[in-house]
Structures are given as C-alpha cells and as structure tokens.
Amino acid sequence: MATTPGSKRGPYARTRERRQVVATAVLGLVIEQGHDAVTVAEVARRAGLTEATVRYHFPTRDHLLISALAQADAEDSYLLVARAASTGRDLAEDLRLVVEAPVGHPNRMRLFTIEAANAVDPAHPAHSWFTARNQAVKLQLAQTLRELQAADQAHPEIDPDRFARQMVAIWDGLQTQWLIDPDFDLGAEVAAAFRSLTRADAMAARRAIAQLAAEI
C-alpha cells in the first residue's frame, strides 16, 4: 500500500508527544510534592495514560525523575545561553537571572542535587543525562568566555575549558549549600563567582587606565 509523504513520522511524533506529557506530569508532581511522591500510578493518572504506557517510555522510576529534569531545562531555559559580548550586556547579571529561575521551586532543585550524586554511578540513568548536560553547559560557558575575551572584558590568559569546569563546580556547589541553608542570595553569589573567574574588575580597571592614557 502506498504511503503519503511524512506518514512514517506519525508514530515518532506520538512518541515524542507522550514522552513530553509524561515528563510534564512528573515535573509538576515533583514541584508540588517532592520527588518521593513520584510513582508510576500517579504519573499515569496525571498524564491520562495507562501505567503500561508510562513504563514503556520510561522503564524505571529513575528514568521518570530524569525526564522531569530534562523538562525543567526545556521549560525555563536553565542552560546558560551564550550571548555576544559585543552587545554590552552584563553577562553576570544574565547568569544571575538564569540561576534564580528555579529558586522558587526548591523541590526541583533538590531532585537535581540528588540525581547529580546518583550520576557518579555509570550504570545509573542519571549518568548519561548529566554527562551530556554538563558538557553542553561547559561548551556554552567556554564560548561565553571567548566572546568576553574578544571584547576585552575577560582576561586573555584564562583557559576557557578550565573556566567552564570551575564555573559549573561553583554553581552546583553553591546550589547544594543553598538547599542546606538558604541564608544567602544564590544568584548573586554565582554571578560574583563569574565576575571573579573572568577577572572582570581587573579588565574594567585596565580599560579605564587605557582610556585615561589616551586622553592625556
């Protein structure tokens, strides 16, 4: 029987749609009640699917929890998007806004921290997701630094890859500290670390000195 163009994509589109519906249901449950409340039965009820369908797309509870983290990233653009430094934007301030996006949902942040710990086990479903995510974040941070260096807003001797690793470690570490004791401004602390690692103040001083010298 002849098929129409694009007909073979139908099942794949339905699969993507169902996976997203499930992930959205899991994320909503995590935000409202915490990750301990996530069960296949409750997720299926919220998603309007059978438990068998949920298990087909997400074979374990761990896969469901990781789907919630992926959905969270998709919904609020949690990944830092590299912007051209030539726009004159304060990238540290942009980063602060990105960091603060999930602060109103501490249950989601707790899930992230717990699954990040689970990711050290190569056999755990969290491992591959965090590996890919961390790589994406580091690539974006490294590119951001290169743009800042090209615009003379970050020290030229800073290695972009090392900067990216350190920035991710500080970001994740500060988030864990905040979850334990939220007595500080998480976004402001991460932004301050960004400015410190890029040596933004030193570069600003150097630009000011160069401008004064040119005016003399």
C-alpha atoms as a PDB file:
ATOM      1  CA  MET A   1       0.000   0.000   0.000  1.00  0.00           C
ATOM      2  CA  ALA A   2       1.298   3.427  -0.891  1.00  0.00           C
ATOM      3  CA  THR A   3       2.127   5.855   1.883  1.00  0.00           C
ATOM      4  CA  THR A   4       1.840   9.588   1.877  1.00  0.00           C
ATOM      5  CA  PRO A   5       4.913  11.754   2.499  1.00  0.00           C
ATOM      6  CA  GLY A   6       5.568  12.098   6.182  1.00  0.00           C
ATOM      7  CA  SER A   7       3.234   9.271   7.193  1.00  0.00           C
ATOM      8  CA  LYS A   8       6.093   7.300   8.703  1.00  0.00           C
ATOM      9  CA  ARG A   9       6.784  10.160  11.067  1.00  0.00           C
ATOM     10  CA  GLY A  10       3.397   9.791  12.753  1.00  0.00           C
ATOM     11  CA  PRO A  11       4.370   7.175  15.363  1.00  0.00           C
ATOM     12  CA  TYR A  12       7.546   9.068  16.225  1.00  0.00           C
ATOM     13  CA  ALA A  13       5.606  12.280  16.710  1.00  0.00           C
ATOM     14  CA  ARG A  14       3.152  10.484  19.004  1.00  0.00           C
ATOM     15  CA  THR A  15       6.059   9.000  20.953  1.00  0.00           C
ATOM     16  CA  ARG A  16       7.627  12.418  21.464  1.00  0.00           C
ATOM     17  CA  GLU A  17       4.273  13.858  22.497  1.00  0.00           C
ATOM     18  CA  ARG A  18       3.608  11.114  25.021  1.00  0.00           C
ATOM     19  CA  ARG A  19       7.103  11.373  26.472  1.00  0.00           C
ATOM     20  CA  GLN A  20       6.645  15.104  26.929  1.00  0.00           C
ATOM     21  CA  VAL A  21       3.230  14.657  28.515  1.00  0.00           C
ATOM     22  CA  VAL A  22       4.715  12.193  30.982  1.00  0.00           C
ATOM     23  CA  ALA A  23       7.729  14.378  31.716  1.00  0.00           C
ATOM     24  CA  THR A  24       5.486  17.374  32.346  1.00  0.00           C
ATOM     25  CA  ALA A  25       3.366  15.316  34.728  1.00  0.00           C
ATOM     26  CA  VAL A  26       6.444  14.145  36.644  1.00  0.00           C
ATOM     27  CA  LEU A  27       7.838  17.660  36.883  1.00  0.00           C
ATOM     28  CA  GLY A  28       4.550  19.007  38.178  1.00  0.00           C
ATOM     29  CA  LEU A  29       4.401  16.286  40.805  1.00  0.00           C
ATOM     30  CA  VAL A  30       7.995  16.943  41.887  1.00  0.00           C
ATOM     31  CA  ILE A  31       7.403  20.682  42.233  1.00  0.00           C
ATOM     32  CA  GLU A  32       4.165  20.207  44.174  1.00  0.00           C
ATOM     33  CA  GLN A  33       5.050  17.296  46.444  1.00  0.00           C
ATOM     34  CA  GLY A  34       8.722  16.415  46.024  1.00  0.00           C
ATOM     35  CA  HIS A  35      10.414  13.545  44.228  1.00  0.00           C
ATOM     36  CA  ASP A  36       9.394  10.978  46.866  1.00  0.00           C
ATOM     37  CA  ALA A  37       5.790  11.396  45.701  1.00  0.00           C
ATOM     38  CA  VAL A  38       6.585  10.214  42.175  1.00  0.00           C
ATOM     39  CA  THR A  39       5.006   6.851  41.391  1.00  0.00           C
ATOM     40  CA  VAL A  40       4.140   5.296  38.062  1.00  0.00           C
ATOM     41  CA  ALA A  41       0.477   5.150  39.056  1.00  0.00           C
ATOM     42  CA  GLU A  42       0.252   8.841  39.940  1.00  0.00           C
ATOM     43  CA  VAL A  43       2.202   9.919  36.878  1.00  0.00           C
ATOM     44  CA  ALA A  44      -0.066   7.822  34.657  1.00  0.00           C
ATOM     45  CA  ARG A  45      -3.148   9.362  36.256  1.00  0.00           C
ATOM     46  CA  ARG A  46      -1.873  12.897  35.723  1.00  0.00           C
ATOM     47  CA  ALA A  47      -0.752  12.200  32.184  1.00  0.00           C
ATOM     48  CA  GLY A  48      -4.001  10.471  31.234  1.00  0.00           C
ATOM     49  CA  LEU A  49      -2.161   7.328  30.174  1.00  0.00           C
ATOM     50  CA  THR A  50      -2.009   3.733  31.322  1.00  0.00           C
ATOM     51  CA  GLU A  51       0.748   2.606  33.654  1.00  0.00           C
ATOM     52  CA  ALA A  52       1.910   0.227  30.928  1.00  0.00           C
ATOM     53  CA  THR A  53       2.340   3.139  28.515  1.00  0.00           C
ATOM     54  CA  VAL A  54       4.327   5.106  31.070  1.00  0.00           C
ATOM     55  CA  ARG A  55       6.586   2.118  31.727  1.00  0.00           C
ATOM     56  CA  TYR A  56       7.049   1.599  28.006  1.00  0.00           C
ATOM     57  CA  HIS A  57       8.536   5.060  27.580  1.00  0.00           C
ATOM     58  CA  PHE A  58      10.268   5.240  30.985  1.00  0.00           C
ATOM     59  CA  PRO A  59      11.173   1.755  32.202  1.00  0.00           C
ATOM     60  CA  THR A  60      12.166   2.774  35.741  1.00  0.00           C
ATOM     61  CA  ARG A  61      11.286   5.428  38.295  1.00  0.00           C
ATOM     62  CA  ASP A  62      14.789   6.852  37.859  1.00  0.00           C
ATOM     63  CA  HIS A  63      14.070   7.408  34.166  1.00  0.00           C
ATOM     64  CA  LEU A  64      10.917   9.278  35.151  1.00  0.00           C
ATOM     65  CA  LEU A  65      12.846  11.552  37.508  1.00  0.00           C
ATOM     66  CA  ILE A  66      15.454  12.321  34.865  1.00  0.00           C
ATOM     67  CA  SER A  67      12.674  13.167  32.423  1.00  0.00           C
ATOM     68  CA  ALA A  68      11.468  15.783  34.906  1.00  0.00           C
ATOM     69  CA  LEU A  69      14.898  17.413  34.998  1.00  0.00           C
ATOM     70  CA  ALA A  70      15.067  17.443  31.204  1.00  0.00           C
ATOM     71  CA  GLN A  71      11.622  19.001  31.036  1.00  0.00           C
ATOM     72  CA  ALA A  72      12.638  21.648  33.563  1.00  0.00           C
ATOM     73  CA  ASP A  73      15.606  22.596  31.406  1.00  0.00           C
ATOM     74  CA  ALA A  74      13.350  22.879  28.373  1.00  0.00           C
ATOM     75  CA  GLU A  75      10.734  24.995  30.124  1.00  0.00           C
ATOM     76  CA  ASP A  76      12.848  27.717  31.665  1.00  0.00           C
ATOM     77  CA  SER A  77      15.999  27.670  29.528  1.00  0.00           C
ATOM     78  CA  TYR A  78      18.070  26.742  32.585  1.00  0.00           C
ATOM     79  CA  LEU A  79      21.112  26.196  30.377  1.00  0.00           C
ATOM     80  CA  LEU A  80      23.155  29.368  30.051  1.00  0.00           C
ATOM     81  CA  VAL A  81      22.775  30.683  26.517  1.00  0.00           C
ATOM     82  CA  ALA A  82      25.964  32.290  25.225  1.00  0.00           C
ATOM     83  CA  ARG A  83      25.380  35.840  24.083  1.00  0.00           C
ATOM     84  CA  ALA A  84      27.636  38.052  22.008  1.00  0.00           C
ATOM     85  CA  ALA A  85      29.751  40.101  24.367  1.00  0.00           C
ATOM     86  CA  SER A  86      29.674  42.969  21.892  1.00  0.00           C
ATOM     87  CA  THR A  87      26.056  43.679  22.819  1.00  0.00           C
ATOM     88  CA  GLY A  88      27.264  45.328  26.001  1.00  0.00           C
ATOM     89  CA  ARG A  89      25.013  43.172  28.184  1.00  0.00           C
ATOM     90  CA  ASP A  90      26.099  42.344  31.705  1.00  0.00           C
ATOM     91  CA  LEU A  91      26.511  38.592  31.309  1.00  0.00           C
ATOM     92  CA  ALA A  92      26.982  38.107  35.045  1.00  0.00           C
ATOM     93  CA  GLU A  93      23.552  39.650  35.545  1.00  0.00           C
ATOM     94  CA  ASP A  94      22.118  37.377  32.859  1.00  0.00           C
ATOM     95  CA  LEU A  95      23.639  34.422  34.672  1.00  0.00           C
ATOM     96  CA  ARG A  96      22.116  35.571  37.957  1.00  0.00           C
ATOM     97  CA  LEU A  97      18.660  35.516  36.366  1.00  0.00           C
ATOM     98  CA  VAL A  98      19.263  32.031  34.964  1.00  0.00           C
ATOM     99  CA  VAL A  99      20.388  30.734  38.358  1.00  0.00           C
ATOM    100  CA  GLU A 100      17.402  32.259  40.135  1.00  0.00           C
ATOM    101  CA  ALA A 101      14.835  30.791  37.725  1.00  0.00           C
ATOM    102  CA  PRO A 102      14.338  27.550  39.719  1.00  0.00           C
ATOM    103  CA  VAL A 103      14.793  29.084  43.184  1.00  0.00           C
ATOM    104  CA  GLY A 104      11.031  29.292  43.620  1.00  0.00           C
ATOM    105  CA  HIS A 105      10.838  25.513  43.167  1.00  0.00           C
ATOM    106  CA  PRO A 106      13.199  24.041  45.795  1.00  0.00           C
ATOM    107  CA  ASN A 107      11.802  20.527  45.311  1.00  0.00           C
ATOM    108  CA  ARG A 108      13.065  20.614  41.749  1.00  0.00           C
ATOM    109  CA  MET A 109      16.457  21.817  42.907  1.00  0.00           C
ATOM    110  CA  ARG A 110      16.619  19.021  45.474  1.00  0.00           C
ATOM    111  CA  LEU A 111      15.890  16.484  42.747  1.00  0.00           C
ATOM    112  CA  PHE A 112      18.695  17.922  40.629  1.00  0.00           C
ATOM    113  CA  THR A 113      21.177  17.666  43.501  1.00  0.00           C
ATOM    114  CA  ILE A 114      20.137  14.114  44.402  1.00  0.00           C
ATOM    115  CA  GLU A 115      20.329  12.901  40.816  1.00  0.00           C
ATOM    116  CA  ALA A 116      23.682  14.641  40.346  1.00  0.00           C
ATOM    117  CA  ALA A 117      25.007  12.486  43.175  1.00  0.00           C
ATOM    118  CA  ASN A 118      23.484   9.379  41.570  1.00  0.00           C
ATOM    119  CA  ALA A 119      25.177  10.307  38.288  1.00  0.00           C
ATOM    120  CA  VAL A 120      28.600   9.308  39.639  1.00  0.00           C
ATOM    121  CA  ASP A 121      27.476   5.706  39.050  1.00  0.00           C
ATOM    122  CA  PRO A 122      27.986   4.980  35.316  1.00  0.00           C
ATOM    123  CA  ALA A 123      25.188   2.414  35.437  1.00  0.00           C
ATOM    124  CA  HIS A 124      22.608   4.869  36.766  1.00  0.00           C
ATOM    125  CA  PRO A 125      20.227   6.550  34.267  1.00  0.00           C
ATOM    126  CA  ALA A 126      21.319   9.931  35.624  1.00  0.00           C
ATOM    127  CA  HIS A 127      24.890   9.397  34.441  1.00  0.00           C
ATOM    128  CA  SER A 128      24.333   9.810  30.727  1.00  0.00           C
ATOM    129  CA  TRP A 129      21.937  12.736  31.154  1.00  0.00           C
ATOM    130  CA  PHE A 130      24.241  14.689  33.450  1.00  0.00           C
ATOM    131  CA  THR A 131      27.247  13.903  31.279  1.00  0.00           C
ATOM    132  CA  ALA A 132      25.522  15.390  28.237  1.00  0.00           C
ATOM    133  CA  ARG A 133      24.087  18.312  30.172  1.00  0.00           C
ATOM    134  CA  ASN A 134      27.357  19.239  31.845  1.00  0.00           C
ATOM    135  CA  GLN A 135      29.113  19.090  28.511  1.00  0.00           C
ATOM    136  CA  ALA A 136      26.535  21.418  26.959  1.00  0.00           C
ATOM    137  CA  VAL A 137      26.779  23.898  29.827  1.00  0.00           C
ATOM    138  CA  LYS A 138      30.581  23.861  29.726  1.00  0.00           C
ATOM    139  CA  LEU A 139      30.633  24.423  25.973  1.00  0.00           C
ATOM    140  CA  GLN A 140      28.333  27.410  26.356  1.00  0.00           C
ATOM    141  CA  LEU A 141      30.300  28.860  29.238  1.00  0.00           C
ATOM    142  CA  ALA A 142      33.580  28.415  27.367  1.00  0.00           C
ATOM    143  CA  GLN A 143      32.129  30.160  24.323  1.00  0.00           C
ATOM    144  CA  THR A 144      30.847  32.977  26.505  1.00  0.00           C
ATOM    145  CA  LEU A 145      34.331  33.478  27.929  1.00  0.00           C
ATOM    146  CA  ARG A 146      35.859  33.581  24.448  1.00  0.00           C
ATOM    147  CA  GLU A 147      33.382  36.291  23.476  1.00  0.00           C
ATOM    148  CA  LEU A 148      34.247  38.279  26.581  1.00  0.00           C
ATOM    149  CA  GLN A 149      37.953  37.888  25.868  1.00  0.00           C
ATOM    150  CA  ALA A 150      37.454  39.083  22.296  1.00  0.00           C
ATOM    151  CA  ALA A 151      35.643  42.152  23.663  1.00  0.00           C
ATOM    152  CA  ASP A 152      38.440  42.795  26.210  1.00  0.00           C
ATOM    153  CA  GLN A 153      36.037  42.109  29.094  1.00  0.00           C
ATOM    154  CA  ALA A 154      37.744  38.948  30.409  1.00  0.00           C
ATOM    155  CA  HIS A 155      41.422  38.294  30.984  1.00  0.00           C
ATOM    156  CA  PRO A 156      43.026  36.877  27.820  1.00  0.00           C
ATOM    157  CA  GLU A 157      45.126  34.302  29.698  1.00  0.00           C
ATOM    158  CA  ILE A 158      42.139  32.442  31.185  1.00  0.00           C
ATOM    159  CA  ASP A 159      41.709  28.983  29.694  1.00  0.00           C
ATOM    160  CA  PRO A 160      38.064  28.691  28.535  1.00  0.00           C
ATOM    161  CA  ASP A 161      37.709  24.984  29.303  1.00  0.00           C
ATOM    162  CA  ARG A 162      39.172  25.330  32.791  1.00  0.00           C
ATOM    163  CA  PHE A 163      36.965  28.347  33.432  1.00  0.00           C
ATOM    164  CA  ALA A 164      33.903  26.371  32.358  1.00  0.00           C
ATOM    165  CA  ARG A 165      34.729  23.433  34.650  1.00  0.00           C
ATOM    166  CA  GLN A 166      35.295  25.718  37.603  1.00  0.00           C
ATOM    167  CA  MET A 167      32.137  27.683  36.932  1.00  0.00           C
ATOM    168  CA  VAL A 168      29.986  24.551  36.809  1.00  0.00           C
ATOM    169  CA  ALA A 169      31.571  23.273  40.037  1.00  0.00           C
ATOM    170  CA  ILE A 170      30.935  26.573  41.830  1.00  0.00           C
ATOM    171  CA  TRP A 171      27.383  26.819  40.508  1.00  0.00           C
ATOM    172  CA  ASP A 172      26.445  23.286  41.581  1.00  0.00           C
ATOM    173  CA  GLY A 173      28.279  23.605  44.892  1.00  0.00           C
ATOM    174  CA  LEU A 174      26.587  26.872  45.810  1.00  0.00           C
ATOM    175  CA  GLN A 175      23.205  25.391  44.923  1.00  0.00           C
ATOM    176  CA  THR A 176      23.836  22.489  47.304  1.00  0.00           C
ATOM    177  CA  GLN A 177      24.860  24.908  50.059  1.00  0.00           C
ATOM    178  CA  TRP A 178      21.733  26.983  49.448  1.00  0.00           C
ATOM    179  CA  LEU A 179      19.492  23.926  49.741  1.00  0.00           C
ATOM    180  CA  ILE A 180      21.081  23.096  53.089  1.00  0.00           C
ATOM    181  CA  ASP A 181      20.936  26.653  54.401  1.00  0.00           C
ATOM    182  CA  PRO A 182      19.319  29.302  52.161  1.00  0.00           C
ATOM    183  CA  ASP A 183      20.679  32.260  54.093  1.00  0.00           C
ATOM    184  CA  PHE A 184      22.345  33.899  51.078  1.00  0.00           C
ATOM    185  CA  ASP A 185      21.440  35.151  47.610  1.00  0.00           C
ATOM    186  CA  LEU A 186      22.246  32.214  45.345  1.00  0.00           C
ATOM    187  CA  GLY A 187      22.024  34.148  42.089  1.00  0.00           C
ATOM    188  CA  ALA A 188      24.216  36.953  43.390  1.00  0.00           C
ATOM    189  CA  GLU A 189      26.872  34.508  44.618  1.00  0.00           C
ATOM    190  CA  VAL A 190      27.064  32.673  41.283  1.00  0.00           C
ATOM    191  CA  ALA A 191      27.228  35.995  39.425  1.00  0.00           C
ATOM    192  CA  ALA A 192      30.023  37.149  41.741  1.00  0.00           C
ATOM    193  CA  ALA A 193      31.940  33.957  41.030  1.00  0.00           C
ATOM    194  CA  PHE A 194      31.515  34.563  37.298  1.00  0.00           C
ATOM    195  CA  ARG A 195      32.942  38.070  37.620  1.00  0.00           C
ATOM    196  CA  SER A 196      35.815  36.801  39.753  1.00  0.00           C
ATOM    197  CA  LEU A 197      36.790  33.952  37.427  1.00  0.00           C
ATOM    198  CA  THR A 198      36.662  36.193  34.360  1.00  0.00           C
ATOM    199  CA  ARG A 199      38.665  38.861  36.252  1.00  0.00           C
ATOM    200  CA  ALA A 200      36.069  41.360  35.133  1.00  0.00           C
ATOM    201  CA  ASP A 201      37.075  44.030  37.667  1.00  0.00           C
ATOM    202  CA  ALA A 202      40.729  43.891  36.642  1.00  0.00           C
ATOM    203  CA  MET A 203      39.788  44.192  32.990  1.00  0.00           C
ATOM    204  CA  ALA A 204      37.499  47.134  33.704  1.00  0.00           C
ATOM    205  CA  ALA A 205      40.336  48.864  35.546  1.00  0.00           C
ATOM    206  CA  ARG A 206      42.713  48.193  32.685  1.00  0.00           C
ATOM    207  CA  ARG A 207      40.248  49.668  30.183  1.00  0.00           C
ATOM    208  CA  ALA A 208      39.825  52.745  32.363  1.00  0.00           C
ATOM    209  CA  ILE A 209      43.580  53.245  32.601  1.00  0.00           C
ATOM    210  CA  ALA A 210      43.952  52.841  28.854  1.00  0.00           C
ATOM    211  CA  GLN A 211      41.211  55.399  28.260  1.00  0.00           C
ATOM    212  CA  LEU A 212      42.849  57.910  30.606  1.00  0.00           C
ATOM    213  CA  ALA A 213      46.193  57.394  28.915  1.00  0.00           C
ATOM    214  CA  ALA A 214      44.604  58.017  25.516  1.00  0.00           C
ATOM    215  CA  GLU A 215      43.078  61.267  26.757  1.00  0.00           C
ATOM    216  CA  ILE A 216      46.345  62.667  28.051  1.00  0.00           C
END
